[in-house]
Every structure is written in C-alpha cells, then in structure tokens.
C-alpha atoms as a PDB file:
ATOM      1  CA  MET A   1       0.116  16.687  15.614  1.00  0.00           C
ATOM      2  CA  LEU A   2      -2.692  14.481  13.597  1.00  0.00           C
ATOM      3  CA  VAL A   3      -2.336  16.795  10.330  1.00  0.00           C
ATOM      4  CA  ARG A   4       1.495  16.556  10.656  1.00  0.00           C
ATOM      5  CA  HIS A   5       1.457  12.917  10.453  1.00  0.00           C
ATOM      6  CA  TYR A   6      -1.374  12.686   7.762  1.00  0.00           C
ATOM      7  CA  TYR A   7      -0.478  15.773   5.508  1.00  0.00           C
ATOM      8  CA  TRP A   8       0.092  13.397   2.655  1.00  0.00           C
ATOM      9  CA  LEU A   9      -3.647  12.277   2.772  1.00  0.00           C
ATOM     10  CA  ILE A  10      -5.028  15.750   3.355  1.00  0.00           C
ATOM     11  CA  LEU A  11      -2.552  17.727   0.859  1.00  0.00           C
ATOM     12  CA  PRO A  12      -4.353  16.381  -2.386  1.00  0.00           C
ATOM     13  CA  PHE A  13      -7.606  17.643  -1.354  1.00  0.00           C
ATOM     14  CA  ILE A  14      -6.327  21.268  -0.804  1.00  0.00           C
ATOM     15  CA  LEU A  15      -4.036  21.092  -3.816  1.00  0.00           C
ATOM     16  CA  SER A  16      -7.256  20.082  -5.722  1.00  0.00           C
ATOM     17  CA  LEU A  17      -8.746  23.423  -5.076  1.00  0.00           C
ATOM     18  CA  GLY A  18      -9.562  25.079  -8.411  1.00  0.00           C
ATOM     19  CA  CYS A  19      -7.958  28.369  -7.811  1.00  0.00           C
ATOM     20  CA  LEU A  20      -4.410  26.948  -7.108  1.00  0.00           C
ATOM     21  CA  ARG A  21      -4.233  24.322 -10.059  1.00  0.00           C
ATOM     22  CA  GLU A  22      -3.304  24.724 -13.622  1.00  0.00           C
ATOM     23  CA  LYS A  23      -4.033  22.409 -16.498  1.00  0.00           C
ATOM     24  CA  PRO A  24      -3.456  18.511 -15.626  1.00  0.00           C
ATOM     25  CA  LEU A  25       0.125  17.482 -16.759  1.00  0.00           C
ATOM     26  CA  THR A  26       0.017  15.307 -19.683  1.00  0.00           C
ATOM     27  CA  HIS A  27       1.754  11.783 -19.439  1.00  0.00           C
ATOM     28  CA  ASP A  28       4.984  12.815 -20.870  1.00  0.00           C
ATOM     29  CA  GLU A  29       5.116  15.991 -18.621  1.00  0.00           C
ATOM     30  CA  THR A  30       4.319  13.863 -15.557  1.00  0.00           C
ATOM     31  CA  GLY A  31       7.259  11.306 -16.149  1.00  0.00           C
ATOM     32  CA  HIS A  32       9.466  14.191 -16.823  1.00  0.00           C
ATOM     33  CA  VAL A  33       8.632  15.856 -13.721  1.00  0.00           C
ATOM     34  CA  ILE A  34       8.811  12.420 -11.766  1.00  0.00           C
ATOM     35  CA  GLU A  35      12.377  11.707 -13.076  1.00  0.00           C
ATOM     36  CA  ILE A  36      13.507  15.289 -12.006  1.00  0.00           C
ATOM     37  CA  ALA A  37      12.118  14.322  -8.415  1.00  0.00           C
ATOM     38  CA  LYS A  38      13.645  10.877  -8.413  1.00  0.00           C
ATOM     39  CA  ARG A  39      17.172  11.983  -9.423  1.00  0.00           C
ATOM     40  CA  PHE A  40      16.886  14.832  -6.626  1.00  0.00           C
ATOM     41  CA  LEU A  41      16.033  11.958  -4.162  1.00  0.00           C
ATOM     42  CA  VAL A  42      19.100  10.172  -5.131  1.00  0.00           C
ATOM     43  CA  LYS A  43      21.045  13.167  -4.876  1.00  0.00           C
ATOM     44  CA  GLU A  44      19.888  13.418  -1.351  1.00  0.00           C
ATOM     45  CA  GLY A  45      20.828   9.756  -0.575  1.00  0.00           C
ATOM     46  CA  ILE A  46      17.293   8.216  -0.665  1.00  0.00           C
ATOM     47  CA  ARG A  47      16.835   5.302  -2.956  1.00  0.00           C
ATOM     48  CA  ALA A  48      13.889   6.843  -4.881  1.00  0.00           C
ATOM     49  CA  ASP A  49      12.945   2.863  -5.970  1.00  0.00           C
ATOM     50  CA  ASP A  50      11.788   2.713  -2.106  1.00  0.00           C
ATOM     51  CA  PHE A  51       9.163   5.124  -2.762  1.00  0.00           C
ATOM     52  CA  PRO A  52       6.521   4.867  -5.520  1.00  0.00           C
ATOM     53  CA  VAL A  53       4.840   8.036  -6.744  1.00  0.00           C
ATOM     54  CA  ALA A  54       1.539   8.429  -4.923  1.00  0.00           C
ATOM     55  CA  TYR A  55       0.332  11.798  -6.333  1.00  0.00           C
ATOM     56  CA  VAL A  56       1.410  14.677  -8.843  1.00  0.00           C
ATOM     57  CA  THR A  57      -0.059  18.102  -9.187  1.00  0.00           C
ATOM     58  CA  ASN A  58       0.494  21.259 -11.339  1.00  0.00           C
ATOM     59  CA  LEU A  59       0.078  24.273  -9.421  1.00  0.00           C
ATOM     60  CA  LYS A  60       0.716  27.946 -10.642  1.00  0.00           C
ATOM     61  CA  GLU A  61       4.038  28.367  -8.929  1.00  0.00           C
ATOM     62  CA  SER A  62       5.256  24.742  -8.550  1.00  0.00           C
ATOM     63  CA  TRP A  63       5.097  20.936  -8.976  1.00  0.00           C
ATOM     64  CA  ILE A  64       4.286  18.639  -5.975  1.00  0.00           C
ATOM     65  CA  ILE A  65       5.239  15.167  -6.163  1.00  0.00           C
ATOM     66  CA  ILE A  66       4.298  12.882  -3.185  1.00  0.00           C
ATOM     67  CA  PHE A  67       6.085   9.708  -2.730  1.00  0.00           C
ATOM     68  CA  SER A  68       4.362   6.925  -0.610  1.00  0.00           C
ATOM     69  CA  GLU A  69       6.055   4.746   2.000  1.00  0.00           C
ATOM     70  CA  ARG A  70       7.007   1.204   1.057  1.00  0.00           C
ATOM     71  CA  SER A  71       7.851  -1.287   3.753  1.00  0.00           C
ATOM     72  CA  PRO A  72      10.562  -1.562   5.302  1.00  0.00           C
ATOM     73  CA  HIS A  73      10.345   2.018   6.065  1.00  0.00           C
ATOM     74  CA  PRO A  74       8.189   3.098   9.356  1.00  0.00           C
ATOM     75  CA  PRO A  75       4.903   4.731   9.134  1.00  0.00           C
ATOM     76  CA  GLY A  76       5.036   8.430   8.395  1.00  0.00           C
ATOM     77  CA  SER A  77       7.929   8.178   6.201  1.00  0.00           C
ATOM     78  CA  ASP A  78       6.473   9.604   3.034  1.00  0.00           C
ATOM     79  CA  LEU A  79       8.229  12.054   1.097  1.00  0.00           C
ATOM     80  CA  THR A  80       7.049  15.425  -0.758  1.00  0.00           C
ATOM     81  CA  VAL A  81       9.222  17.005  -3.464  1.00  0.00           C
ATOM     82  CA  LYS A  82       8.321  20.409  -4.502  1.00  0.00           C
ATOM     83  CA  ILE A  83       9.575  21.729  -7.821  1.00  0.00           C
ATOM     84  CA  SER A  84       9.503  25.674  -8.208  1.00  0.00           C
ATOM     85  CA  LYS A  85       8.644  26.922 -11.896  1.00  0.00           C
ATOM     86  CA  ASP A  86      10.228  30.034 -11.390  1.00  0.00           C
ATOM     87  CA  ASP A  87      13.814  29.280 -10.337  1.00  0.00           C
ATOM     88  CA  GLY A  88      13.882  25.564 -10.813  1.00  0.00           C
ATOM     89  CA  GLN A  89      14.478  25.043  -6.997  1.00  0.00           C
ATOM     90  CA  ILE A  90      13.595  21.513  -5.544  1.00  0.00           C
ATOM     91  CA  SER A  91      13.038  21.096  -1.971  1.00  0.00           C
ATOM     92  CA  LEU A  92      12.219  18.090   0.079  1.00  0.00           C
ATOM     93  CA  ILE A  93       9.528  17.579   2.811  1.00  0.00           C
ATOM     94  CA  ARG A  94       9.582  14.553   4.961  1.00  0.00           C
ATOM     95  CA  GLY A  95       6.404  13.195   6.496  1.00  0.00           C
ATOM     96  CA  ASP A  96       7.966  11.933   9.763  1.00  0.00           C
END
C-alpha cells in the first residue's frame, strides 16, 4: 500500500538502473515527448497545466513522463504517462 502511494518517488530510482535506460534525451527531444504527453492528457479530459512535469526518462521500450500534483488536487493525484516506442501506444497511470 505504501508503495502504491509513493510509486512516483520510487520509480525514478528503479528507472535509473543502467540496464533499463538508453542515452539521455536532448532538450528538444524532451520537449517533444512532454508535448505528446500533455496532448494525451488533454484528450483524456485532464488540464495538463495543473500537473507540472516532475521527471522524464528514456527506456529501451518507452518514455516515462511523471507529472507531479499541484494544489488543489488531493495528495497522491500524480500522473504517469508511458509512451511506447514500438507502436506509439500511450497509457496513463494515476497515482491515487
């Protein structure tokens, strides 16, 4: 249960394992991936401006973008967007 509420604190450490990561994204690539994730959030009916980006990582199979909460959202309402490199599929993981 504790891991479920604090996954966004633990996830960057897990993702920082060398065997899972590829080269770091450049500034332009990071901006592009973040824009794709924000457009996806808007399609899902979520105001992307309410969730600033907390972390972006480049994995072998996907990009992970973690958006942190900003008040007035309740604690634990962080969002993680996963973008698959293979098929471009985008998925949303809620932190609540």
